[in-house]
Amino acid sequence: MHDLAAPHPLRSHYPARVALGRRPLGIIGSALTARRNVLELIPEIATRQPMVSGRTGKRWHMVMDPGALRIVLKDRVEDYPKSVITKSLLEPAIGQSLFVAEGAHWRWQRRAAAPAFAQRHIEALTPVMTAAAEASARRLAAASGPVDIFAETVAATFEVISDVTFSGDEGFQRDAVHQAIDSYIAGAARLSILDIIGLPGWVPRPGRLRSGNDLKRMKQVADDAIRARARSGPREVPDLLDLLRAGEDPETHRAMSIPELRDNLLTFIVAGHETTALTLAWALYLLAFDPQVQDRAAIEARTVLGARAATAQDVAQLTYIRQIIDESLRMYPPAAFLSRTSLIHDRLGGREVHPGETIMLPIYALHRHHLLWNDPDRFDPDRFAPGVTRDRFAFLPFGAGPRICIGASFAIQEAVIILATLLARLRFELTERQPEPRMILTLRPQGGVWLTVKLR
């Protein structure tokens, strides 16, 4: 269905977007394109049709139809597990944690981890978000000349996730973990031609072999922090490590071992800072692109906050800033391209699907689909105004169904707190350097988001 927000006059140009494919690429072309930018594998026609199929090695199907997405992500989730490509990209870094595990192994971990992400625990940890927002605003206010906003949002969100995970333990080496994550995403997380032609995950991918030392160090840092906490005991305000150590599956009473704790904590660290940093960086770029929207958001932030930083109690009143976050997630979803493998013979979007075929979920194309969104390449936060309705499976920044992102509420709250704090004090303006949306593991701004920052 179309969203119900009334369109305003078209701008002379649109914010940065991906040049989607207009011709078949073949195996070699697909592999080279995927290493540069996975989203360029999406054909332009995918933004105008409910489903596109093809063959590059194995047969694949791109699904943009909300009804078919409901089947894959909710109704028959067990029949559509994560693809070999997804597992081979992520397992070296995060093992069989929540993001990768399937079936019973996923279910018990999800049940054990769920209480840690209850709203009361998220709100108890929000002072860390407020402190990070305050520190970020101070750094940006002191900047001279254009600033790489993405580098700043990464710093702010990594500060949040490391503090809510390990309470700022001195034994947790933030720089070592941060460096390992960056190194892995830059090299090992790129698709290989071996992925494109469908070779099994046990066949070595050279780029992932080279990342071994960084990953070993990252895991050792996390293991050391977990063992240190076992000796020192929980914090007065439990952090994520304490909550996961205390968690157990209510059905089996199984608790996480040290390796399971470590893999899940690293999953939350990687996902918990990268995705929120991206959301904030793209949001600030979009606000610089549209000064009128930025001014409206700044008025809301200053009305609610005055001169102070935002807190959890302010989030419910920052409704327009939440709309901006949602529209940023629509236009630049961090998890912009997902894939599954069909285990069954089925029909999706009117097409026949066979066991072993790859089911691609191009969230970027879904969020810019002309049958689902009015003028989809236009930045318009009023798409998410109160009362506007759409199909639940037309907007999937955090997935859907039983495997929806466990940290979605945490991420939204953090993004609103930081964005509102910045907008109440600072104005952001475009420079000549245009960000290029490029997906390796997440949808990043190639070259950064360079904006001029001024005091309001």
Protein backbone atom coordinates (compact mmCIF):
# COMPACT_ATOMS: atom_id res chain seq x y z
CA MET A 1 0.00 0.00 0.00
CA HIS A 2 1.07 3.63 -0.29
CA ASP A 3 1.85 5.62 2.83
CA LEU A 4 -0.75 8.25 3.56
CA ALA A 5 1.49 11.28 4.11
CA ALA A 6 0.65 14.03 1.64
CA PRO A 7 3.58 14.67 -0.71
CA HIS A 8 5.11 18.11 -0.74
CA PRO A 9 6.62 19.65 -3.90
CA LEU A 10 9.50 17.65 -5.35
CA ARG A 11 12.99 18.87 -4.63
CA SER A 12 15.38 19.57 -7.45
CA HIS A 13 17.43 16.56 -6.37
CA TYR A 14 17.41 13.67 -3.92
CA PRO A 15 19.76 12.65 -1.12
CA ALA A 16 22.57 10.21 -1.93
CA ARG A 17 21.34 6.88 -3.28
CA VAL A 18 22.74 3.68 -4.71
CA ALA A 19 22.94 3.25 -8.49
CA LEU A 20 21.02 0.00 -8.81
CA GLY A 21 21.81 -2.49 -11.58
CA ARG A 22 20.41 -2.07 -15.08
CA ARG A 23 21.98 -5.09 -16.81
CA PRO A 24 22.97 -8.69 -15.96
CA LEU A 25 26.43 -8.96 -14.40
CA GLY A 26 27.40 -12.65 -14.69
CA ILE A 27 29.42 -14.52 -12.06
CA ILE A 28 32.66 -12.52 -12.26
CA GLY A 29 30.85 -9.20 -12.57
CA SER A 30 28.63 -10.08 -9.62
CA ALA A 31 31.63 -11.02 -7.47
CA LEU A 32 33.49 -7.79 -8.27
CA THR A 33 30.35 -5.71 -7.72
CA ALA A 34 29.59 -7.44 -4.41
CA ARG A 35 33.08 -6.69 -3.08
CA ARG A 36 32.62 -3.01 -3.93
CA ASN A 37 28.98 -2.60 -2.89
CA VAL A 38 26.52 -5.45 -2.33
CA LEU A 39 23.56 -3.18 -3.03
CA GLU A 40 24.63 -2.70 -6.65
CA LEU A 41 23.65 -6.34 -7.17
CA ILE A 42 20.01 -5.25 -6.78
CA PRO A 43 18.41 -4.63 -10.19
CA GLU A 44 16.55 -1.36 -10.59
CA ILE A 45 13.42 -3.35 -11.46
CA ALA A 46 13.39 -4.69 -7.87
CA THR A 47 11.97 -1.34 -6.73
CA ARG A 48 8.95 -1.80 -9.01
CA GLN A 49 8.16 -5.55 -8.89
CA PRO A 50 7.24 -7.76 -5.92
CA MET A 51 9.84 -10.42 -6.76
CA VAL A 52 12.82 -10.89 -9.10
CA SER A 53 14.54 -14.23 -9.82
CA GLY A 54 17.77 -15.18 -11.55
CA ARG A 55 20.79 -17.45 -11.52
CA THR A 56 24.41 -16.71 -10.61
CA GLY A 57 25.81 -20.13 -9.80
CA LYS A 58 22.72 -21.16 -7.77
CA ARG A 59 19.22 -19.89 -8.50
CA TRP A 60 18.13 -16.94 -6.35
CA HIS A 61 15.00 -14.91 -5.67
CA MET A 62 14.81 -11.31 -4.45
CA VAL A 63 11.67 -10.75 -2.40
CA MET A 64 10.11 -7.30 -1.99
CA ASP A 65 6.48 -8.38 -1.46
CA PRO A 66 5.32 -7.81 2.15
CA GLY A 67 3.12 -10.94 2.07
CA ALA A 68 6.03 -13.13 0.97
CA LEU A 69 8.33 -11.47 3.51
CA ARG A 70 5.84 -12.33 6.23
CA ILE A 71 6.12 -16.00 5.21
CA VAL A 72 9.93 -16.00 5.25
CA LEU A 73 10.43 -13.98 8.43
CA LYS A 74 7.42 -14.98 10.52
CA ASP A 75 5.06 -17.71 9.34
CA ARG A 76 7.64 -20.30 8.21
CA VAL A 77 10.85 -18.97 9.69
CA GLU A 78 12.20 -22.48 10.38
CA ASP A 79 11.94 -23.30 6.67
CA TYR A 80 14.07 -20.28 5.72
CA PRO A 81 17.24 -20.30 7.83
CA LYS A 82 20.06 -17.81 7.36
CA SER A 83 22.06 -18.49 4.25
CA VAL A 84 25.50 -20.06 4.00
CA ILE A 85 26.84 -16.66 2.90
CA THR A 86 25.52 -14.97 6.06
CA LYS A 87 26.98 -17.64 8.30
CA SER A 88 30.38 -17.69 6.59
CA LEU A 89 30.59 -13.90 6.92
CA LEU A 90 29.66 -13.74 10.60
CA GLU A 91 30.57 -16.99 12.35
CA PRO A 92 34.32 -16.25 12.50
CA ALA A 93 33.56 -13.12 14.53
CA ILE A 94 30.49 -14.02 16.62
CA GLY A 95 30.26 -17.81 16.54
CA GLN A 96 26.90 -19.50 17.06
CA SER A 97 25.43 -16.52 18.89
CA LEU A 98 21.86 -15.26 18.62
CA PHE A 99 22.40 -13.62 15.25
CA VAL A 100 23.66 -16.79 13.55
CA ALA A 101 22.25 -19.76 15.49
CA GLU A 102 19.21 -21.68 14.24
CA GLY A 103 16.48 -23.88 15.71
CA ALA A 104 16.70 -25.06 19.30
CA HIS A 105 20.15 -23.51 19.83
CA TRP A 106 18.77 -20.10 18.87
CA ARG A 107 15.56 -20.50 20.89
CA TRP A 108 17.20 -21.20 24.26
CA GLN A 109 19.65 -18.32 23.80
CA ARG A 110 16.85 -15.93 22.90
CA ARG A 111 14.83 -16.95 25.97
CA ALA A 112 17.89 -16.58 28.20
CA ALA A 113 18.83 -13.14 26.79
CA ALA A 114 15.34 -11.62 26.55
CA PRO A 115 15.11 -10.36 30.18
CA ALA A 116 18.32 -8.35 29.71
CA PHE A 117 16.52 -6.24 27.10
CA ALA A 118 13.37 -5.59 29.15
CA GLN A 119 12.36 -1.92 29.07
CA ARG A 120 13.17 -1.41 32.76
CA HIS A 121 16.76 -2.52 32.19
CA ILE A 122 17.13 -0.37 29.07
CA GLU A 123 15.90 2.68 31.01
CA ALA A 124 18.28 1.93 33.88
CA LEU A 125 21.18 2.09 31.43
CA THR A 126 20.13 5.32 29.69
CA PRO A 127 22.26 7.65 31.86
CA VAL A 128 25.17 6.28 29.85
CA MET A 129 23.40 7.40 26.65
CA THR A 130 22.78 10.87 28.09
CA ALA A 131 26.44 11.21 29.13
CA ALA A 132 27.61 10.12 25.66
CA ALA A 133 25.23 12.61 24.01
CA GLU A 134 26.57 15.41 26.21
CA ALA A 135 30.19 14.49 25.42
CA SER A 136 29.46 14.29 21.69
CA ALA A 137 27.79 17.71 21.68
CA ARG A 138 30.82 19.22 23.44
CA ARG A 139 33.26 17.68 20.96
CA LEU A 140 31.27 18.86 17.95
CA ALA A 141 30.80 22.36 19.39
CA ALA A 142 34.57 22.68 19.71
CA ALA A 143 35.28 21.48 16.16
CA SER A 144 36.60 23.83 13.51
CA GLY A 145 36.07 23.18 9.83
CA PRO A 146 34.15 20.24 8.32
CA VAL A 147 33.70 17.23 10.59
CA ASP A 148 33.36 13.55 9.68
CA ILE A 149 30.07 13.01 11.48
CA PHE A 150 30.23 9.24 11.03
CA ALA A 151 33.54 9.07 12.92
CA GLU A 152 31.92 11.09 15.71
CA THR A 153 28.76 8.96 15.93
CA VAL A 154 30.89 5.81 15.98
CA ALA A 155 32.87 7.22 18.91
CA ALA A 156 29.69 8.16 20.78
CA THR A 157 27.86 4.88 20.27
CA PHE A 158 30.93 2.75 21.00
CA GLU A 159 31.27 4.63 24.28
CA VAL A 160 27.65 3.75 25.06
CA ILE A 161 27.82 0.06 24.16
CA SER A 162 31.12 -0.57 25.94
CA ASP A 163 29.85 1.12 29.09
CA VAL A 164 26.46 -0.61 29.16
CA THR A 165 28.16 -3.94 28.43
CA PHE A 166 31.14 -3.79 30.78
CA SER A 167 30.39 -0.72 33.00
CA GLY A 168 33.58 0.96 31.85
CA ASP A 169 35.78 -1.79 33.31
CA GLU A 170 39.42 -0.79 33.01
CA GLY A 171 40.21 -4.36 32.00
CA PHE A 172 38.07 -4.06 28.87
CA GLN A 173 40.38 -2.82 26.13
CA ARG A 174 38.03 -0.71 24.02
CA ASP A 175 40.60 0.26 21.42
CA ALA A 176 41.61 -3.35 20.75
CA VAL A 177 38.00 -4.44 20.25
CA HIS A 178 37.16 -1.40 18.13
CA GLN A 179 40.20 -1.94 15.90
CA ALA A 180 39.38 -5.63 15.44
CA ILE A 181 35.78 -4.85 14.45
CA ASP A 182 36.87 -2.23 11.90
CA SER A 183 39.50 -4.54 10.45
CA TYR A 184 37.03 -7.40 10.10
CA ILE A 185 34.34 -5.32 8.42
CA ALA A 186 36.84 -3.67 6.04
CA GLY A 187 38.33 -6.95 4.84
CA ALA A 188 36.87 -10.25 5.92
CA ALA A 189 33.21 -9.19 5.78
CA ARG A 190 33.27 -8.65 2.00
CA LEU A 191 31.63 -11.22 -0.25
CA SER A 192 33.98 -13.57 -2.08
CA ILE A 193 33.50 -15.07 -5.55
CA LEU A 194 33.29 -18.38 -3.66
CA ASP A 195 30.15 -17.04 -1.96
CA ILE A 196 28.66 -15.93 -5.27
CA ILE A 197 29.08 -19.30 -6.97
CA GLY A 198 27.60 -21.06 -3.95
CA LEU A 199 30.52 -23.10 -2.58
CA PRO A 200 29.90 -24.46 0.94
CA GLY A 201 31.00 -22.48 3.98
CA TRP A 202 33.80 -24.89 4.91
CA VAL A 203 35.77 -23.91 1.79
CA PRO A 204 38.27 -21.28 3.07
CA ARG A 205 37.80 -17.66 2.00
CA PRO A 206 41.26 -16.00 1.92
CA GLY A 207 40.07 -12.62 3.26
CA ARG A 208 38.53 -14.26 6.31
CA LEU A 209 41.65 -16.29 7.01
CA ARG A 210 43.71 -13.09 7.17
CA SER A 211 41.48 -11.63 9.88
CA GLY A 212 42.24 -14.43 12.35
CA ASN A 213 44.69 -12.57 14.61
CA ASP A 214 42.43 -9.55 15.08
CA LEU A 215 39.47 -11.77 15.93
CA LYS A 216 41.54 -13.85 18.38
CA ARG A 217 42.59 -10.72 20.21
CA MET A 218 39.03 -9.40 20.33
CA LYS A 219 37.72 -12.66 21.77
CA GLN A 220 40.54 -12.81 24.32
CA VAL A 221 39.73 -9.30 25.56
CA ALA A 222 36.08 -10.27 26.01
CA ASP A 223 36.94 -13.58 27.73
CA ASP A 224 39.25 -11.76 30.17
CA ALA A 225 36.53 -9.22 31.00
CA ILE A 226 33.97 -11.98 31.62
CA ARG A 227 36.33 -13.88 33.96
CA ALA A 228 37.22 -10.67 35.80
CA ARG A 229 33.52 -9.97 36.40
CA ALA A 230 33.03 -13.49 37.76
CA ARG A 231 35.68 -12.67 40.37
CA SER A 232 34.48 -9.15 41.22
CA GLY A 233 30.72 -9.79 41.16
CA PRO A 234 27.84 -7.80 39.61
CA ARG A 235 27.60 -4.01 39.56
CA GLU A 236 25.15 -2.02 41.70
CA VAL A 237 23.22 -1.16 38.53
CA PRO A 238 23.50 -4.40 36.50
CA ASP A 239 25.08 -3.94 33.09
CA LEU A 240 24.55 -6.16 30.07
CA LEU A 241 27.26 -8.59 31.15
CA ASP A 242 25.66 -9.00 34.59
CA LEU A 243 22.19 -9.45 33.08
CA LEU A 244 23.36 -12.10 30.61
CA ARG A 245 25.40 -13.94 33.26
CA ALA A 246 22.25 -14.09 35.40
CA GLY A 247 20.01 -15.12 32.53
CA GLU A 248 18.85 -18.65 31.87
CA ASP A 249 16.36 -20.36 29.61
CA PRO A 250 13.18 -20.70 31.74
CA GLU A 251 12.30 -23.96 29.96
CA THR A 252 15.63 -25.80 30.14
CA HIS A 253 17.35 -23.71 32.88
CA ARG A 254 20.42 -23.61 30.67
CA ALA A 255 22.72 -20.61 31.20
CA MET A 256 25.40 -19.33 28.86
CA SER A 257 28.94 -20.66 29.10
CA ILE A 258 31.88 -18.24 28.86
CA PRO A 259 32.27 -18.79 25.07
CA GLU A 260 28.50 -18.34 24.57
CA LEU A 261 28.51 -15.21 26.73
CA ARG A 262 31.47 -13.86 24.79
CA ASP A 263 29.99 -14.50 21.37
CA ASN A 264 26.69 -12.88 22.31
CA LEU A 265 28.37 -9.91 23.97
CA LEU A 266 30.51 -9.36 20.87
CA THR A 267 27.34 -9.60 18.74
CA PHE A 268 25.72 -6.87 20.83
CA ILE A 269 28.88 -4.73 20.77
CA VAL A 270 29.26 -4.97 17.00
CA ALA A 271 25.56 -4.53 16.22
CA GLY A 272 24.86 -2.18 19.10
CA HIS A 273 27.27 0.53 18.11
CA GLU A 274 27.64 0.12 14.33
CA THR A 275 23.94 0.24 13.47
CA THR A 276 23.11 3.17 15.78
CA ALA A 277 26.18 5.12 14.63
CA LEU A 278 25.07 4.66 11.03
CA THR A 279 21.50 5.69 11.78
CA LEU A 280 22.70 8.90 13.46
CA ALA A 281 25.24 9.74 10.74
CA TRP A 282 22.70 9.28 7.94
CA ALA A 283 20.07 11.21 9.93
CA LEU A 284 22.40 14.19 10.36
CA TYR A 285 23.30 14.09 6.67
CA LEU A 286 19.59 14.11 5.75
CA LEU A 287 18.92 16.99 8.14
CA ALA A 288 21.76 18.98 6.59
CA PHE A 289 20.27 18.15 3.19
CA ASP A 290 16.88 19.55 4.27
CA PRO A 291 17.36 22.59 6.56
CA GLN A 292 13.60 23.07 7.01
CA VAL A 293 13.22 19.62 8.53
CA GLN A 294 16.29 20.29 10.66
CA ASP A 295 14.84 23.56 11.97
CA ARG A 296 11.54 21.88 12.86
CA ALA A 297 13.42 19.13 14.72
CA ALA A 298 15.62 21.65 16.52
CA ILE A 299 12.56 23.57 17.73
CA GLU A 300 11.13 20.36 19.18
CA ALA A 301 14.46 19.46 20.83
CA ARG A 302 14.92 22.93 22.37
CA THR A 303 11.30 23.05 23.56
CA VAL A 304 11.62 19.71 25.35
CA LEU A 305 15.23 19.94 26.54
CA GLY A 306 16.21 23.57 26.85
CA ALA A 307 19.98 23.54 27.38
CA ARG A 308 20.29 20.06 28.90
CA ALA A 309 20.96 16.67 27.33
CA ALA A 310 18.07 14.30 26.63
CA THR A 311 17.13 11.49 29.02
CA ALA A 312 14.91 8.43 28.80
CA GLN A 313 12.00 10.47 30.22
CA ASP A 314 12.15 12.84 27.24
CA VAL A 315 11.91 10.24 24.49
CA ALA A 316 8.10 10.05 24.43
CA GLN A 317 7.88 13.82 23.80
CA LEU A 318 10.46 13.85 20.98
CA THR A 319 7.99 12.54 18.43
CA TYR A 320 9.28 14.36 15.34
CA ILE A 321 12.86 13.36 16.09
CA ARG A 322 11.66 9.75 16.31
CA GLN A 323 10.05 10.22 12.87
CA ILE A 324 13.42 11.40 11.52
CA ILE A 325 15.11 8.31 12.95
CA ASP A 326 12.53 6.07 11.28
CA GLU A 327 12.84 7.85 7.94
CA SER A 328 16.63 7.57 8.12
CA LEU A 329 16.26 3.84 8.79
CA ARG A 330 13.96 3.60 5.80
CA MET A 331 16.31 5.38 3.41
CA TYR A 332 19.58 3.91 4.73
CA PRO A 333 18.78 0.72 6.69
CA PRO A 334 22.04 -0.53 8.29
CA ALA A 335 21.07 -4.15 7.57
CA ALA A 336 20.17 -3.34 3.98
CA PHE A 337 20.52 -6.80 2.43
CA LEU A 338 19.64 -10.11 4.10
CA SER A 339 19.63 -13.64 2.71
CA ARG A 340 18.03 -16.95 3.57
CA THR A 341 18.08 -20.46 2.15
CA SER A 342 14.86 -22.28 1.31
CA LEU A 343 14.58 -25.75 2.84
CA ILE A 344 11.25 -26.48 1.18
CA HIS A 345 9.33 -26.36 -2.06
CA ASP A 346 7.14 -23.26 -1.80
CA ARG A 347 5.53 -20.36 -3.64
CA LEU A 348 6.55 -16.81 -2.78
CA GLY A 349 5.12 -13.78 -4.51
CA GLY A 350 3.55 -16.06 -7.12
CA ARG A 351 6.87 -17.76 -8.00
CA GLU A 352 8.00 -21.32 -7.39
CA VAL A 353 10.87 -21.80 -4.94
CA HIS A 354 12.87 -25.03 -4.58
CA PRO A 355 14.92 -26.41 -1.69
CA GLY A 356 18.47 -25.07 -1.62
CA GLU A 357 17.68 -21.85 -3.48
CA THR A 358 18.78 -18.51 -2.05
CA ILE A 359 16.09 -16.09 -0.89
CA MET A 360 17.43 -12.54 -0.88
CA LEU A 361 15.70 -9.87 1.18
CA PRO A 362 16.94 -6.54 -0.23
CA ILE A 363 15.67 -4.25 2.51
CA TYR A 364 17.12 -1.25 0.67
CA ALA A 365 14.87 -1.99 -2.35
CA LEU A 366 11.87 -2.77 -0.13
CA HIS A 367 12.19 0.61 1.59
CA ARG A 368 12.38 2.40 -1.78
CA HIS A 369 9.71 0.38 -3.55
CA HIS A 370 7.36 2.42 -5.73
CA LEU A 371 4.35 0.21 -4.94
CA LEU A 372 4.83 0.71 -1.20
CA TRP A 373 6.09 4.26 -0.78
CA ASN A 374 5.16 7.55 -2.44
CA ASP A 375 8.21 9.12 -4.17
CA PRO A 376 10.46 6.74 -2.22
CA ASP A 377 13.81 8.47 -2.85
CA ARG A 378 12.55 11.65 -1.18
CA PHE A 379 13.39 12.42 2.46
CA ASP A 380 10.09 12.94 4.29
CA PRO A 381 9.81 12.18 8.04
CA ASP A 382 6.04 12.78 7.87
CA ARG A 383 5.74 9.28 6.38
CA PHE A 384 6.02 8.19 10.03
CA ALA A 385 3.69 10.79 11.52
CA PRO A 386 1.14 9.54 14.08
CA GLY A 387 -1.82 7.93 12.33
CA VAL A 388 0.03 7.00 9.13
CA THR A 389 -0.42 3.27 8.45
CA ARG A 390 1.45 0.77 6.28
CA ASP A 391 1.95 -2.96 5.99
CA ARG A 392 4.10 -4.18 8.89
CA PHE A 393 6.36 -6.00 6.43
CA ALA A 394 7.01 -2.93 4.25
CA PHE A 395 9.38 -1.40 6.83
CA LEU A 396 11.97 -3.81 8.23
CA PRO A 397 15.01 -1.97 9.64
CA PHE A 398 15.22 -4.48 12.51
CA GLY A 399 13.69 -7.49 10.76
CA ALA A 400 10.41 -9.00 11.95
CA GLY A 401 8.90 -12.13 13.40
CA PRO A 402 10.50 -14.18 16.17
CA ARG A 403 14.02 -13.16 15.06
CA ILE A 404 13.40 -9.43 15.17
CA CYS A 405 16.45 -7.60 16.56
CA ILE A 406 16.49 -8.08 20.32
CA GLY A 407 18.11 -4.67 20.83
CA ALA A 408 15.73 -2.60 18.67
CA SER A 409 14.23 -0.61 21.59
CA PHE A 410 17.71 0.03 22.98
CA ALA A 411 18.92 1.34 19.60
CA ILE A 412 15.93 3.62 19.03
CA GLN A 413 16.14 5.12 22.51
CA GLU A 414 19.86 5.77 22.14
CA ALA A 415 19.44 7.35 18.70
CA VAL A 416 16.64 9.69 19.86
CA ILE A 417 18.59 10.79 22.96
CA ILE A 418 21.78 11.58 21.05
CA LEU A 419 20.10 13.20 18.02
CA ALA A 420 17.86 15.44 20.12
CA THR A 421 20.78 16.58 22.28
CA LEU A 422 22.84 17.51 19.22
CA LEU A 423 20.01 19.31 17.42
CA ALA A 424 19.10 21.42 20.46
CA ARG A 425 22.56 22.98 20.41
CA LEU A 426 24.06 22.62 16.95
CA ARG A 427 23.28 23.27 13.30
CA PHE A 428 24.59 20.92 10.59
CA GLU A 429 25.26 22.04 7.01
CA LEU A 430 26.32 20.18 3.87
CA THR A 431 29.79 20.42 2.41
CA GLU A 432 30.88 19.62 -1.13
CA ARG A 433 31.73 16.05 -0.09
CA GLN A 434 28.72 13.84 -0.78
CA PRO A 435 28.54 10.52 1.10
CA GLU A 436 28.29 7.40 -1.03
CA PRO A 437 26.00 4.66 0.36
CA ARG A 438 28.05 1.48 0.14
CA MET A 439 27.25 -1.82 1.82
CA ILE A 440 29.93 -4.25 2.90
CA LEU A 441 28.43 -5.77 6.04
CA THR A 442 26.30 -2.73 6.85
CA LEU A 443 25.20 0.27 4.78
CA ARG A 444 28.05 2.72 5.41
CA PRO A 445 28.79 6.19 4.01
CA GLN A 446 31.92 5.62 1.94
CA GLY A 447 34.43 8.34 2.75
CA GLY A 448 32.46 9.51 5.79
CA VAL A 449 29.73 12.12 6.29
CA TRP A 450 31.46 15.49 6.16
CA LEU A 451 29.34 18.34 7.53
CA THR A 452 29.96 21.83 8.83
CA VAL A 453 28.86 22.22 12.46
CA LYS A 454 27.79 25.55 13.97
CA LEU A 455 26.35 26.60 17.32
CA ARG A 456 22.64 27.49 17.30
